[in-house]
């Protein structure tokens, strides 16, 4: 099966929201995502590890209807066929998911593909010809992903970023209080789950994160 997804949208991973039904505290996923985008989220990944494909497709289509007019792409975690069926912009693949080469063959050249790397060995497997960005972490300890592995810290983030051939999106335990430090490392963006999905005010949380990222980027540029 070959993807017939539309032209690859330009994507900005500055503030990358990872969202799923288990993370939003009983609220509607679309409501939390809408609030987050109002606050400054620039890219959204739907991560539903346990729902049937049909339910994920329905949720994805609702999010695409919301996000497309706003120019924000939707990425699907892991399930390439779901991404194609829903018309999503692409997929994000963990180390135990389908290989990026297989995903690229299904999506064609126009799909956005992100991959995860948390160690030097994993970073060495990343191919710039197959993927578009790399999610690196867990930077800090996190409860949002059970298999996130040990935190690598800012030093570990910098070390992996130095050897990776693609833009890096930092993930894991990032919130408004430490996002500036992460952004100062020169990453393309920060990805968060609970810092927005678990917040009483997702819009305000996203806005605080965007401000912290901007401050960190400015500080990092000044330091260089």
N, C-alpha and C. Protein backbone atom coordinates (compact mmCIF):
# COMPACT_ATOMS: atom_id res chain seq x y z
N UNK A 1 0.86 -1.19 0.00
CA UNK A 1 0.00 0.00 0.00
C UNK A 1 0.89 1.23 0.00
N UNK A 2 0.65 2.17 -0.87
CA UNK A 2 1.47 3.37 -0.98
C UNK A 2 0.66 4.57 -0.54
N UNK A 3 1.30 5.45 0.23
CA UNK A 3 0.60 6.63 0.74
C UNK A 3 0.25 7.59 -0.37
N UNK A 4 -0.89 8.21 -0.22
CA UNK A 4 -1.30 9.27 -1.14
C UNK A 4 -1.57 10.54 -0.34
N UNK A 5 -0.78 10.71 0.72
CA UNK A 5 -0.93 11.88 1.55
C UNK A 5 -0.51 13.10 0.73
N UNK A 6 -1.07 14.26 1.03
CA UNK A 6 -0.82 15.45 0.24
C UNK A 6 0.61 15.94 0.37
N UNK A 7 0.91 17.07 -0.27
CA UNK A 7 2.26 17.62 -0.20
C UNK A 7 2.68 17.81 1.25
N UNK A 8 3.92 17.51 1.54
CA UNK A 8 4.40 17.61 2.92
C UNK A 8 4.27 19.04 3.40
N UNK A 9 3.54 19.26 4.48
CA UNK A 9 3.41 20.62 4.97
C UNK A 9 4.69 21.06 5.64
N UNK A 10 4.96 22.35 5.59
CA UNK A 10 6.06 22.88 6.38
C UNK A 10 5.69 22.64 7.85
N UNK A 11 6.64 22.20 8.64
CA UNK A 11 6.30 21.98 10.04
C UNK A 11 7.30 22.66 10.95
N UNK A 12 6.77 23.19 12.01
CA UNK A 12 7.55 23.94 13.00
C UNK A 12 7.44 23.20 14.32
N UNK A 13 8.51 22.56 14.80
CA UNK A 13 8.42 21.79 16.04
C UNK A 13 8.72 22.59 17.30
N UNK A 14 8.68 23.91 17.22
CA UNK A 14 9.04 24.74 18.37
C UNK A 14 8.35 24.28 19.65
N UNK A 15 7.04 24.10 19.61
CA UNK A 15 6.30 23.58 20.76
C UNK A 15 5.41 22.45 20.27
N UNK A 16 5.85 21.25 20.54
CA UNK A 16 5.30 20.02 19.98
C UNK A 16 4.48 19.33 21.06
N UNK A 17 3.17 19.32 20.86
CA UNK A 17 2.26 18.71 21.84
C UNK A 17 2.02 17.25 21.50
N UNK A 18 2.25 16.38 22.47
CA UNK A 18 1.91 14.96 22.35
C UNK A 18 0.68 14.72 23.21
N UNK A 19 -0.39 14.24 22.59
CA UNK A 19 -1.68 14.18 23.28
C UNK A 19 -2.35 12.84 23.06
N UNK A 20 -3.13 12.42 24.04
CA UNK A 20 -3.95 11.22 23.93
C UNK A 20 -5.02 11.27 25.00
N UNK A 21 -6.01 10.41 24.84
CA UNK A 21 -7.14 10.45 25.76
C UNK A 21 -6.78 10.21 27.21
N UNK A 22 -5.73 9.42 27.47
CA UNK A 22 -5.36 9.12 28.84
C UNK A 22 -4.67 10.29 29.53
N UNK A 23 -4.23 11.27 28.75
CA UNK A 23 -3.44 12.37 29.31
C UNK A 23 -4.24 13.61 29.64
N UNK A 24 -5.49 13.69 29.16
CA UNK A 24 -6.19 14.98 29.19
C UNK A 24 -7.17 15.13 30.35
N UNK A 25 -7.09 14.25 31.33
CA UNK A 25 -7.86 14.38 32.57
C UNK A 25 -9.36 14.43 32.33
N UNK A 26 -9.85 13.57 31.43
CA UNK A 26 -11.28 13.46 31.21
C UNK A 26 -11.88 14.51 30.31
N UNK A 27 -11.06 15.41 29.82
CA UNK A 27 -11.55 16.43 28.89
C UNK A 27 -11.50 15.90 27.46
N UNK A 28 -12.14 16.60 26.54
CA UNK A 28 -12.08 16.21 25.15
C UNK A 28 -10.71 16.54 24.59
N UNK A 29 -10.14 15.59 23.85
CA UNK A 29 -8.82 15.81 23.26
C UNK A 29 -8.84 17.05 22.37
N UNK A 30 -9.91 17.21 21.59
CA UNK A 30 -9.98 18.36 20.69
C UNK A 30 -9.99 19.68 21.46
N UNK A 31 -10.64 19.70 22.62
CA UNK A 31 -10.68 20.94 23.41
C UNK A 31 -9.29 21.29 23.94
N UNK A 32 -8.57 20.29 24.42
CA UNK A 32 -7.22 20.53 24.96
C UNK A 32 -6.29 20.97 23.84
N UNK A 33 -6.39 20.32 22.68
CA UNK A 33 -5.53 20.68 21.56
C UNK A 33 -5.84 22.09 21.07
N UNK A 34 -7.12 22.44 20.96
CA UNK A 34 -7.49 23.78 20.52
C UNK A 34 -6.92 24.83 21.46
N UNK A 35 -7.01 24.58 22.76
CA UNK A 35 -6.47 25.52 23.73
C UNK A 35 -4.96 25.62 23.60
N UNK A 36 -4.30 24.48 23.43
CA UNK A 36 -2.84 24.48 23.32
C UNK A 36 -2.37 25.26 22.10
N UNK A 37 -3.08 25.10 20.99
CA UNK A 37 -2.70 25.83 19.78
C UNK A 37 -2.94 27.32 19.95
N UNK A 38 -4.00 27.70 20.62
CA UNK A 38 -4.22 29.12 20.92
C UNK A 38 -3.05 29.68 21.73
N UNK A 39 -2.50 28.84 22.60
CA UNK A 39 -1.38 29.28 23.43
C UNK A 39 -0.04 29.21 22.75
N UNK A 40 0.02 28.58 21.57
CA UNK A 40 1.30 28.58 20.84
C UNK A 40 1.86 27.24 20.44
N UNK A 41 1.12 26.14 20.63
CA UNK A 41 1.61 24.85 20.15
C UNK A 41 1.68 24.88 18.62
N UNK A 42 2.76 24.32 18.07
CA UNK A 42 3.02 24.43 16.63
C UNK A 42 2.93 23.11 15.89
N UNK A 43 2.91 22.01 16.61
CA UNK A 43 2.86 20.68 16.00
C UNK A 43 2.19 19.76 17.01
N UNK A 44 1.36 18.83 16.53
CA UNK A 44 0.61 17.96 17.43
C UNK A 44 0.81 16.51 17.02
N UNK A 45 1.07 15.66 17.99
CA UNK A 45 1.14 14.21 17.78
C UNK A 45 0.02 13.55 18.59
N UNK A 46 -0.76 12.71 17.92
CA UNK A 46 -1.79 11.92 18.60
C UNK A 46 -1.18 10.58 18.96
N UNK A 47 -1.07 10.33 20.26
CA UNK A 47 -0.49 9.07 20.75
C UNK A 47 -1.55 8.31 21.54
N UNK A 48 -2.09 7.29 20.91
CA UNK A 48 -3.09 6.42 21.54
C UNK A 48 -2.60 4.99 21.42
N UNK A 49 -2.03 4.47 22.49
CA UNK A 49 -1.39 3.16 22.44
C UNK A 49 -2.37 2.01 22.54
N UNK A 50 -3.56 2.23 23.09
CA UNK A 50 -4.45 1.11 23.36
C UNK A 50 -5.76 1.14 22.58
N UNK A 51 -6.13 2.26 22.00
CA UNK A 51 -7.40 2.34 21.28
C UNK A 51 -7.35 1.56 19.97
N UNK A 52 -8.48 1.01 19.53
CA UNK A 52 -8.54 0.36 18.22
C UNK A 52 -8.26 1.37 17.10
N UNK A 53 -7.77 0.87 15.98
CA UNK A 53 -7.44 1.75 14.86
C UNK A 53 -8.60 2.65 14.47
N UNK A 54 -9.81 2.09 14.41
CA UNK A 54 -10.96 2.89 13.96
C UNK A 54 -11.18 4.09 14.87
N UNK A 55 -11.00 3.91 16.16
CA UNK A 55 -11.18 5.02 17.09
C UNK A 55 -10.08 6.07 16.93
N UNK A 56 -8.85 5.63 16.69
CA UNK A 56 -7.75 6.57 16.49
C UNK A 56 -7.97 7.36 15.19
N UNK A 57 -8.42 6.68 14.16
CA UNK A 57 -8.70 7.36 12.89
C UNK A 57 -9.77 8.43 13.09
N UNK A 58 -10.83 8.10 13.82
CA UNK A 58 -11.89 9.08 14.06
C UNK A 58 -11.37 10.27 14.84
N UNK A 59 -10.57 10.01 15.87
CA UNK A 59 -9.99 11.10 16.66
C UNK A 59 -9.05 11.94 15.81
N UNK A 60 -8.25 11.27 14.99
CA UNK A 60 -7.31 11.98 14.13
C UNK A 60 -8.04 12.88 13.15
N UNK A 61 -9.10 12.37 12.56
CA UNK A 61 -9.84 13.19 11.58
C UNK A 61 -10.44 14.43 12.24
N UNK A 62 -10.93 14.28 13.46
CA UNK A 62 -11.47 15.44 14.17
C UNK A 62 -10.38 16.46 14.44
N UNK A 63 -9.20 15.98 14.80
CA UNK A 63 -8.08 16.89 15.05
C UNK A 63 -7.61 17.57 13.76
N UNK A 64 -7.58 16.82 12.67
CA UNK A 64 -7.16 17.40 11.39
C UNK A 64 -8.12 18.50 10.97
N UNK A 65 -9.41 18.28 11.16
CA UNK A 65 -10.40 19.31 10.83
C UNK A 65 -10.17 20.57 11.64
N UNK A 66 -9.75 20.40 12.88
CA UNK A 66 -9.46 21.54 13.75
C UNK A 66 -8.16 22.23 13.35
N UNK A 67 -7.12 21.44 13.08
CA UNK A 67 -5.78 21.98 12.94
C UNK A 67 -5.45 22.49 11.55
N UNK A 68 -6.02 21.88 10.52
CA UNK A 68 -5.65 22.27 9.15
C UNK A 68 -5.87 23.75 8.88
N UNK A 69 -7.01 24.33 9.25
CA UNK A 69 -7.19 25.77 9.00
C UNK A 69 -6.19 26.63 9.76
N UNK A 70 -5.59 26.07 10.81
CA UNK A 70 -4.64 26.82 11.63
C UNK A 70 -3.20 26.61 11.18
N UNK A 71 -3.03 25.74 10.17
CA UNK A 71 -1.69 25.50 9.66
C UNK A 71 -0.82 24.65 10.56
N UNK A 72 -1.43 23.85 11.43
CA UNK A 72 -0.69 22.99 12.35
C UNK A 72 -0.83 21.54 11.92
N UNK A 73 0.26 20.87 11.57
CA UNK A 73 0.16 19.47 11.14
C UNK A 73 -0.15 18.52 12.30
N UNK A 74 -0.79 17.40 11.97
CA UNK A 74 -1.02 16.32 12.94
C UNK A 74 -0.15 15.13 12.57
N UNK A 75 0.57 14.63 13.55
CA UNK A 75 1.40 13.44 13.44
C UNK A 75 0.74 12.32 14.24
N UNK A 76 0.79 11.09 13.72
CA UNK A 76 0.26 9.94 14.45
C UNK A 76 1.41 9.13 15.02
N UNK A 77 1.29 8.74 16.27
CA UNK A 77 2.31 7.89 16.88
C UNK A 77 2.20 6.47 16.36
N UNK A 78 3.27 5.98 15.75
CA UNK A 78 3.47 4.57 15.44
C UNK A 78 2.66 4.04 14.25
N UNK A 79 1.36 4.27 14.20
CA UNK A 79 0.49 3.54 13.29
C UNK A 79 0.44 4.20 11.90
N UNK A 80 1.28 3.70 11.01
CA UNK A 80 1.40 4.31 9.68
C UNK A 80 0.09 4.19 8.91
N UNK A 81 -0.54 3.02 8.96
CA UNK A 81 -1.78 2.82 8.21
C UNK A 81 -2.88 3.75 8.73
N UNK A 82 -2.89 4.00 10.03
CA UNK A 82 -3.86 4.92 10.60
C UNK A 82 -3.61 6.33 10.09
N UNK A 83 -2.34 6.73 10.04
CA UNK A 83 -2.00 8.06 9.54
C UNK A 83 -2.48 8.24 8.10
N UNK A 84 -2.28 7.23 7.28
CA UNK A 84 -2.70 7.30 5.89
C UNK A 84 -4.22 7.37 5.79
N UNK A 85 -4.90 6.50 6.53
CA UNK A 85 -6.35 6.46 6.47
C UNK A 85 -6.99 7.77 6.94
N UNK A 86 -6.37 8.40 7.94
CA UNK A 86 -6.93 9.63 8.49
C UNK A 86 -6.55 10.86 7.69
N UNK A 87 -5.50 10.74 6.88
CA UNK A 87 -5.01 11.90 6.15
C UNK A 87 -4.09 12.78 6.98
N UNK A 88 -3.41 12.18 7.95
CA UNK A 88 -2.49 12.92 8.81
C UNK A 88 -1.23 13.30 8.03
N UNK A 89 -0.46 14.21 8.62
CA UNK A 89 0.74 14.70 7.95
C UNK A 89 1.90 13.72 8.01
N UNK A 90 1.87 12.78 8.97
CA UNK A 90 2.97 11.84 9.08
C UNK A 90 2.88 11.02 10.34
N UNK A 91 4.03 10.46 10.73
CA UNK A 91 4.07 9.56 11.88
C UNK A 91 5.32 9.85 12.72
N UNK A 92 5.23 9.44 13.98
CA UNK A 92 6.41 9.41 14.84
C UNK A 92 6.65 7.97 15.26
N UNK A 93 7.88 7.51 15.13
CA UNK A 93 8.22 6.11 15.35
C UNK A 93 9.20 5.96 16.50
N UNK A 94 8.84 5.11 17.46
CA UNK A 94 9.76 4.76 18.53
C UNK A 94 10.71 3.66 18.09
N UNK A 95 11.62 3.31 18.97
CA UNK A 95 12.62 2.31 18.64
C UNK A 95 12.02 0.93 18.39
N UNK A 96 10.87 0.66 18.98
CA UNK A 96 10.23 -0.65 18.81
C UNK A 96 9.11 -0.63 17.77
N UNK A 97 8.95 0.47 17.07
CA UNK A 97 7.90 0.59 16.06
C UNK A 97 8.44 0.18 14.69
N UNK A 98 7.60 0.31 13.67
CA UNK A 98 8.00 -0.02 12.30
C UNK A 98 9.22 0.81 11.93
N UNK A 99 10.11 0.24 11.10
CA UNK A 99 11.33 0.93 10.70
C UNK A 99 10.98 2.14 9.83
N UNK A 100 11.80 3.18 9.93
CA UNK A 100 11.54 4.40 9.15
C UNK A 100 11.54 4.12 7.65
N UNK A 101 12.35 3.17 7.21
CA UNK A 101 12.37 2.83 5.79
C UNK A 101 11.04 2.28 5.32
N UNK A 102 10.45 1.42 6.14
CA UNK A 102 9.13 0.87 5.81
C UNK A 102 8.09 1.98 5.82
N UNK A 103 8.15 2.84 6.82
CA UNK A 103 7.19 3.94 6.89
C UNK A 103 7.31 4.85 5.68
N UNK A 104 8.55 5.13 5.28
CA UNK A 104 8.74 6.01 4.12
C UNK A 104 8.19 5.36 2.86
N UNK A 105 8.34 4.05 2.73
CA UNK A 105 7.82 3.37 1.54
C UNK A 105 6.30 3.43 1.50
N UNK A 106 5.66 3.46 2.65
CA UNK A 106 4.21 3.53 2.72
C UNK A 106 3.70 4.96 2.55
N UNK A 107 4.38 5.90 3.18
CA UNK A 107 3.93 7.28 3.14
C UNK A 107 4.35 7.99 1.86
N UNK A 108 5.40 7.51 1.23
CA UNK A 108 5.95 8.23 0.09
C UNK A 108 6.78 9.40 0.57
N UNK A 109 7.26 10.22 -0.35
CA UNK A 109 8.18 11.29 0.01
C UNK A 109 7.53 12.46 0.73
N UNK A 110 6.21 12.50 0.76
CA UNK A 110 5.52 13.68 1.26
C UNK A 110 5.13 13.61 2.73
N UNK A 111 5.32 12.46 3.38
CA UNK A 111 4.94 12.34 4.78
C UNK A 111 6.05 12.80 5.70
N UNK A 112 5.69 13.40 6.81
CA UNK A 112 6.65 13.77 7.85
C UNK A 112 6.91 12.53 8.70
N UNK A 113 8.17 12.19 8.90
CA UNK A 113 8.53 11.05 9.74
C UNK A 113 9.50 11.51 10.83
N UNK A 114 9.10 11.28 12.06
CA UNK A 114 9.97 11.51 13.20
C UNK A 114 10.36 10.19 13.82
N UNK A 115 11.56 10.11 14.37
CA UNK A 115 12.03 8.91 15.05
C UNK A 115 12.57 9.30 16.42
N UNK A 116 12.65 8.33 17.31
CA UNK A 116 13.14 8.56 18.66
C UNK A 116 14.56 8.04 18.83
N UNK A 117 15.34 8.74 19.65
CA UNK A 117 16.68 8.28 20.00
C UNK A 117 17.01 8.79 21.40
N UNK A 118 17.48 7.87 22.25
CA UNK A 118 17.84 8.27 23.60
C UNK A 118 19.24 7.87 23.99
N UNK A 119 19.94 7.16 23.08
CA UNK A 119 21.31 6.73 23.35
C UNK A 119 22.14 6.94 22.09
N UNK A 120 23.45 6.86 22.25
CA UNK A 120 24.34 7.00 21.09
C UNK A 120 24.09 5.89 20.08
N UNK A 121 23.83 4.68 20.57
CA UNK A 121 23.57 3.55 19.67
C UNK A 121 22.31 3.79 18.85
N UNK A 122 21.27 4.32 19.49
CA UNK A 122 20.04 4.61 18.76
C UNK A 122 20.25 5.76 17.78
N UNK A 123 21.01 6.75 18.18
CA UNK A 123 21.29 7.89 17.30
C UNK A 123 22.03 7.43 16.04
N UNK A 124 22.87 6.42 16.18
CA UNK A 124 23.66 5.94 15.04
C UNK A 124 22.80 5.28 13.98
N UNK A 125 21.57 4.90 14.33
CA UNK A 125 20.69 4.23 13.37
C UNK A 125 19.83 5.22 12.58
N UNK A 126 19.89 6.50 12.93
CA UNK A 126 19.03 7.50 12.29
C UNK A 126 19.56 7.85 10.90
N UNK A 127 18.67 7.81 9.93
CA UNK A 127 19.02 8.16 8.55
C UNK A 127 18.33 9.45 8.13
N UNK A 128 19.14 10.42 7.72
CA UNK A 128 18.57 11.69 7.27
C UNK A 128 17.73 11.51 6.01
N UNK A 129 18.00 10.46 5.25
CA UNK A 129 17.25 10.25 4.03
C UNK A 129 15.87 9.68 4.25
N UNK A 130 15.63 9.15 5.45
CA UNK A 130 14.34 8.51 5.73
C UNK A 130 13.45 9.33 6.65
N UNK A 131 14.05 10.12 7.52
CA UNK A 131 13.29 10.83 8.55
C UNK A 131 13.47 12.33 8.42
N UNK A 132 12.64 13.07 9.16
CA UNK A 132 12.65 14.53 9.10
C UNK A 132 13.12 15.19 10.39
N UNK A 133 12.95 14.50 11.51
CA UNK A 133 13.41 15.04 12.79
C UNK A 133 13.62 13.87 13.75
N UNK A 134 14.30 14.15 14.87
CA UNK A 134 14.55 13.12 15.88
C UNK A 134 14.07 13.62 17.23
N UNK A 135 13.23 12.83 17.89
CA UNK A 135 12.83 13.12 19.26
C UNK A 135 13.88 12.54 20.20
N UNK A 136 14.50 13.37 21.01
CA UNK A 136 15.60 12.95 21.88
C UNK A 136 15.20 13.10 23.35
N UNK A 137 15.41 12.06 24.11
CA UNK A 137 15.11 12.08 25.54
C UNK A 137 15.00 10.66 26.07
N UNK A 138 14.62 10.55 27.27
CA UNK A 138 14.01 11.56 28.10
C UNK A 138 15.07 12.51 28.68
N UNK A 139 14.86 13.82 28.50
CA UNK A 139 15.82 14.78 29.01
C UNK A 139 15.78 14.81 30.52
N UNK A 140 14.60 14.88 31.08
CA UNK A 140 14.40 14.86 32.53
C UNK A 140 13.50 13.68 32.88
N UNK A 141 13.47 13.29 34.16
CA UNK A 141 12.57 12.20 34.55
C UNK A 141 11.12 12.54 34.19
N UNK A 142 10.38 11.54 33.73
CA UNK A 142 9.00 11.76 33.31
C UNK A 142 8.13 10.58 33.70
N UNK A 143 6.88 10.88 34.04
CA UNK A 143 5.90 9.83 34.32
C UNK A 143 4.94 9.64 33.16
N UNK A 144 5.12 10.40 32.08
CA UNK A 144 4.17 10.36 30.96
C UNK A 144 4.39 9.19 30.03
N UNK A 145 5.56 8.56 30.12
CA UNK A 145 5.86 7.44 29.22
C UNK A 145 6.62 6.40 30.03
N UNK A 146 5.99 5.26 30.23
CA UNK A 146 6.55 4.24 31.13
C UNK A 146 7.90 3.71 30.67
N UNK A 147 8.12 3.65 29.35
CA UNK A 147 9.36 3.08 28.83
C UNK A 147 10.34 4.15 28.35
N UNK A 148 10.28 5.33 28.97
CA UNK A 148 11.09 6.45 28.50
C UNK A 148 12.59 6.24 28.76
N UNK A 149 12.94 5.37 29.72
CA UNK A 149 14.35 5.15 30.02
C UNK A 149 14.88 6.21 30.96
N UNK A 150 16.16 6.07 31.33
CA UNK A 150 16.78 7.00 32.27
C UNK A 150 16.94 8.37 31.63
N UNK A 151 16.80 9.41 32.44
CA UNK A 151 16.96 10.77 31.94
C UNK A 151 18.40 11.01 31.52
N UNK A 152 18.57 11.71 30.40
CA UNK A 152 19.91 11.95 29.86
C UNK A 152 20.44 13.33 30.22
N UNK A 153 19.58 14.21 30.71
CA UNK A 153 20.01 15.53 31.11
C UNK A 153 20.38 16.42 29.92
N UNK A 154 20.72 17.65 30.21
CA UNK A 154 21.09 18.60 29.17
C UNK A 154 22.39 18.18 28.50
N UNK A 155 23.33 17.65 29.29
CA UNK A 155 24.60 17.21 28.70
C UNK A 155 24.38 16.08 27.71
N UNK A 156 23.52 15.13 28.07
CA UNK A 156 23.22 14.03 27.16
C UNK A 156 22.50 14.50 25.91
N UNK A 157 21.61 15.47 26.09
CA UNK A 157 20.90 16.05 24.95
C UNK A 157 21.90 16.69 23.98
N UNK A 158 22.82 17.48 24.51
CA UNK A 158 23.81 18.15 23.67
C UNK A 158 24.69 17.12 22.94
N UNK A 159 25.05 16.07 23.64
CA UNK A 159 25.93 15.06 23.04
C UNK A 159 25.24 14.36 21.87
N UNK A 160 23.98 14.00 22.04
CA UNK A 160 23.26 13.34 20.94
C UNK A 160 22.98 14.31 19.80
N UNK A 161 22.64 15.52 20.14
CA UNK A 161 22.37 16.52 19.10
C UNK A 161 23.60 16.72 18.22
N UNK A 162 24.79 16.62 18.81
CA UNK A 162 26.02 16.86 18.07
C UNK A 162 26.28 15.80 17.00
N UNK A 163 25.71 14.60 17.18
CA UNK A 163 25.99 13.52 16.22
C UNK A 163 24.80 13.20 15.33
N UNK A 164 23.67 13.81 15.58
CA UNK A 164 22.47 13.51 14.79
C UNK A 164 22.43 14.38 13.53
N UNK A 165 21.99 13.79 12.41
CA UNK A 165 21.98 14.52 11.14
C UNK A 165 20.70 15.28 10.85
N UNK A 166 19.81 15.35 11.83
CA UNK A 166 18.48 15.95 11.62
C UNK A 166 18.13 16.90 12.77
N UNK A 167 17.15 17.77 12.58
CA UNK A 167 16.68 18.61 13.68
C UNK A 167 16.26 17.76 14.88
N UNK A 168 16.55 18.26 16.06
CA UNK A 168 16.26 17.54 17.30
C UNK A 168 15.11 18.21 18.04
N UNK A 169 14.16 17.38 18.48
CA UNK A 169 13.08 17.83 19.36
C UNK A 169 13.30 17.14 20.71
N UNK A 170 13.51 17.94 21.73
CA UNK A 170 13.76 17.39 23.07
C UNK A 170 12.44 17.02 23.73
N UNK A 171 12.43 15.91 24.46
CA UNK A 171 11.21 15.45 25.13
C UNK A 171 11.57 14.80 26.46
N UNK A 172 10.63 14.86 27.37
CA UNK A 172 10.79 14.15 28.63
C UNK A 172 10.94 15.08 29.81
N UNK A 173 9.87 15.25 30.59
CA UNK A 173 9.93 16.04 31.81
C UNK A 173 10.10 17.53 31.59
N UNK A 174 9.79 18.00 30.39
CA UNK A 174 9.97 19.43 30.08
C UNK A 174 8.72 20.20 30.48
N UNK A 175 8.94 21.31 31.17
CA UNK A 175 7.84 22.20 31.56
C UNK A 175 8.38 23.63 31.55
N UNK A 176 7.51 24.56 31.90
CA UNK A 176 7.88 25.97 31.74
C UNK A 176 9.12 26.34 32.55
N UNK A 177 9.35 25.64 33.66
CA UNK A 177 10.49 25.98 34.50
C UNK A 177 11.83 25.54 33.97
N UNK A 178 11.86 24.59 33.04
CA UNK A 178 13.15 24.15 32.50
C UNK A 178 13.24 24.24 30.98
N UNK A 179 12.16 24.68 30.32
CA UNK A 179 12.15 24.72 28.85
C UNK A 179 13.20 25.68 28.30
N UNK A 180 13.46 26.77 29.00
CA UNK A 180 14.46 27.73 28.51
C UNK A 180 15.84 27.09 28.47
N UNK A 181 16.17 26.32 29.50
CA UNK A 181 17.47 25.64 29.53
C UNK A 181 17.59 24.65 28.37
N UNK A 182 16.51 23.96 28.08
CA UNK A 182 16.51 23.01 26.97
C UNK A 182 16.67 23.75 25.64
N UNK A 183 15.89 24.80 25.47
CA UNK A 183 15.95 25.56 24.21
C UNK A 183 17.32 26.18 23.99
N UNK A 184 17.99 26.57 25.06
CA UNK A 184 19.32 27.18 24.95
C UNK A 184 20.34 26.21 24.38
N UNK A 185 20.03 24.91 24.43
CA UNK A 185 20.93 23.91 23.86
C UNK A 185 20.90 23.90 22.34
N UNK A 186 19.97 24.65 21.75
CA UNK A 186 19.92 24.77 20.30
C UNK A 186 19.00 23.81 19.60
N UNK A 187 18.09 23.17 20.34
CA UNK A 187 17.18 22.20 19.73
C UNK A 187 16.18 22.91 18.83
N UNK A 188 15.59 22.13 17.90
CA UNK A 188 14.58 22.69 17.00
C UNK A 188 13.26 22.91 17.72
N UNK A 189 13.04 22.19 18.81
CA UNK A 189 11.80 22.35 19.55
C UNK A 189 11.78 21.52 20.80
N UNK A 190 10.73 21.70 21.59
CA UNK A 190 10.51 20.89 22.79
C UNK A 190 9.15 20.23 22.66
N UNK A 191 9.08 18.98 23.08
CA UNK A 191 7.84 18.22 23.06
C UNK A 191 7.38 17.99 24.49
N UNK A 192 6.09 18.13 24.71
CA UNK A 192 5.55 17.98 26.06
C UNK A 192 4.26 17.17 26.01
N UNK A 193 3.99 16.51 27.12
CA UNK A 193 2.71 15.83 27.30
C UNK A 193 1.99 16.47 28.48
N UNK A 194 2.40 16.11 29.69
CA UNK A 194 1.66 16.54 30.88
C UNK A 194 1.76 18.03 31.15
N UNK A 195 2.81 18.69 30.69
CA UNK A 195 2.95 20.13 30.95
C UNK A 195 1.80 20.92 30.35
N UNK A 196 1.18 20.37 29.28
CA UNK A 196 -0.01 21.00 28.70
C UNK A 196 -1.25 20.17 28.98
N UNK A 197 -1.20 18.86 28.70
CA UNK A 197 -2.39 18.01 28.84
C UNK A 197 -2.87 17.92 30.28
N UNK A 198 -1.94 18.02 31.22
CA UNK A 198 -2.31 17.91 32.63
C UNK A 198 -2.59 19.23 33.30
N UNK A 199 -2.45 20.31 32.56
CA UNK A 199 -2.62 21.64 33.14
C UNK A 199 -4.10 22.01 33.26
N UNK A 200 -4.43 22.77 34.30
CA UNK A 200 -5.80 23.27 34.43
C UNK A 200 -6.13 24.21 33.27
N UNK A 201 -5.12 24.94 32.81
CA UNK A 201 -5.29 25.91 31.73
C UNK A 201 -4.30 25.56 30.61
N UNK A 202 -4.67 24.66 29.70
CA UNK A 202 -3.73 24.26 28.65
C UNK A 202 -3.25 25.43 27.78
N UNK A 203 -4.13 26.39 27.54
CA UNK A 203 -3.72 27.55 26.73
C UNK A 203 -2.64 28.35 27.45
N UNK A 204 -2.85 28.63 28.71
CA UNK A 204 -1.87 29.37 29.48
C UNK A 204 -0.56 28.60 29.63
N UNK A 205 -0.67 27.29 29.79
CA UNK A 205 0.54 26.47 29.91
C UNK A 205 1.35 26.50 28.63
N UNK A 206 0.65 26.41 27.49
CA UNK A 206 1.35 26.47 26.20
C UNK A 206 2.01 27.83 26.01
N UNK A 207 1.32 28.87 26.40
CA UNK A 207 1.88 30.22 26.24
C UNK A 207 3.14 30.39 27.10
N UNK A 208 3.10 29.87 28.31
CA UNK A 208 4.28 29.95 29.18
C UNK A 208 5.45 29.17 28.60
N UNK A 209 5.17 28.02 28.01
CA UNK A 209 6.22 27.22 27.39
C UNK A 209 6.82 27.94 26.19
N UNK A 210 5.98 28.53 25.35
CA UNK A 210 6.49 29.26 24.19
C UNK A 210 7.39 30.41 24.63
N UNK A 211 6.98 31.11 25.67
CA UNK A 211 7.79 32.22 26.17
C UNK A 211 9.13 31.72 26.70
N UNK A 212 9.10 30.59 27.40
CA UNK A 212 10.34 30.03 27.93
C UNK A 212 11.27 29.58 26.81
N UNK A 213 10.70 28.97 25.77
CA UNK A 213 11.52 28.53 24.63
C UNK A 213 12.15 29.74 23.94
N UNK A 214 11.36 30.79 23.75
CA UNK A 214 11.90 31.98 23.11
C UNK A 214 13.03 32.59 23.92
N UNK A 215 12.86 32.63 25.24
CA UNK A 215 13.91 33.16 26.10
C UNK A 215 15.16 32.30 26.05
N UNK A 216 14.97 30.99 26.04
CA UNK A 216 16.11 30.08 25.97
C UNK A 216 16.86 30.18 24.67
N UNK A 217 16.13 30.31 23.57
CA UNK A 217 16.77 30.47 22.27
C UNK A 217 17.60 31.75 22.22
N UNK A 218 17.03 32.83 22.76
CA UNK A 218 17.76 34.09 22.76
C UNK A 218 19.03 33.99 23.60
N UNK A 219 18.92 33.33 24.75
CA UNK A 219 20.09 33.15 25.61
C UNK A 219 21.13 32.28 24.95
N UNK A 220 20.68 31.22 24.27
CA UNK A 220 21.61 30.33 23.60
C UNK A 220 22.35 31.02 22.48
N UNK A 221 21.65 31.85 21.71
CA UNK A 221 22.28 32.58 20.61
C UNK A 221 23.29 33.58 21.14
N UNK A 222 22.95 34.22 22.25
CA UNK A 222 23.85 35.19 22.87
C UNK A 222 25.12 34.50 23.36
N UNK A 223 24.96 33.30 23.93
CA UNK A 223 26.11 32.57 24.45
C UNK A 223 27.03 32.12 23.34
N UNK A 224 26.44 31.82 22.16
CA UNK A 224 27.27 31.38 21.02
C UNK A 224 27.94 32.55 20.32
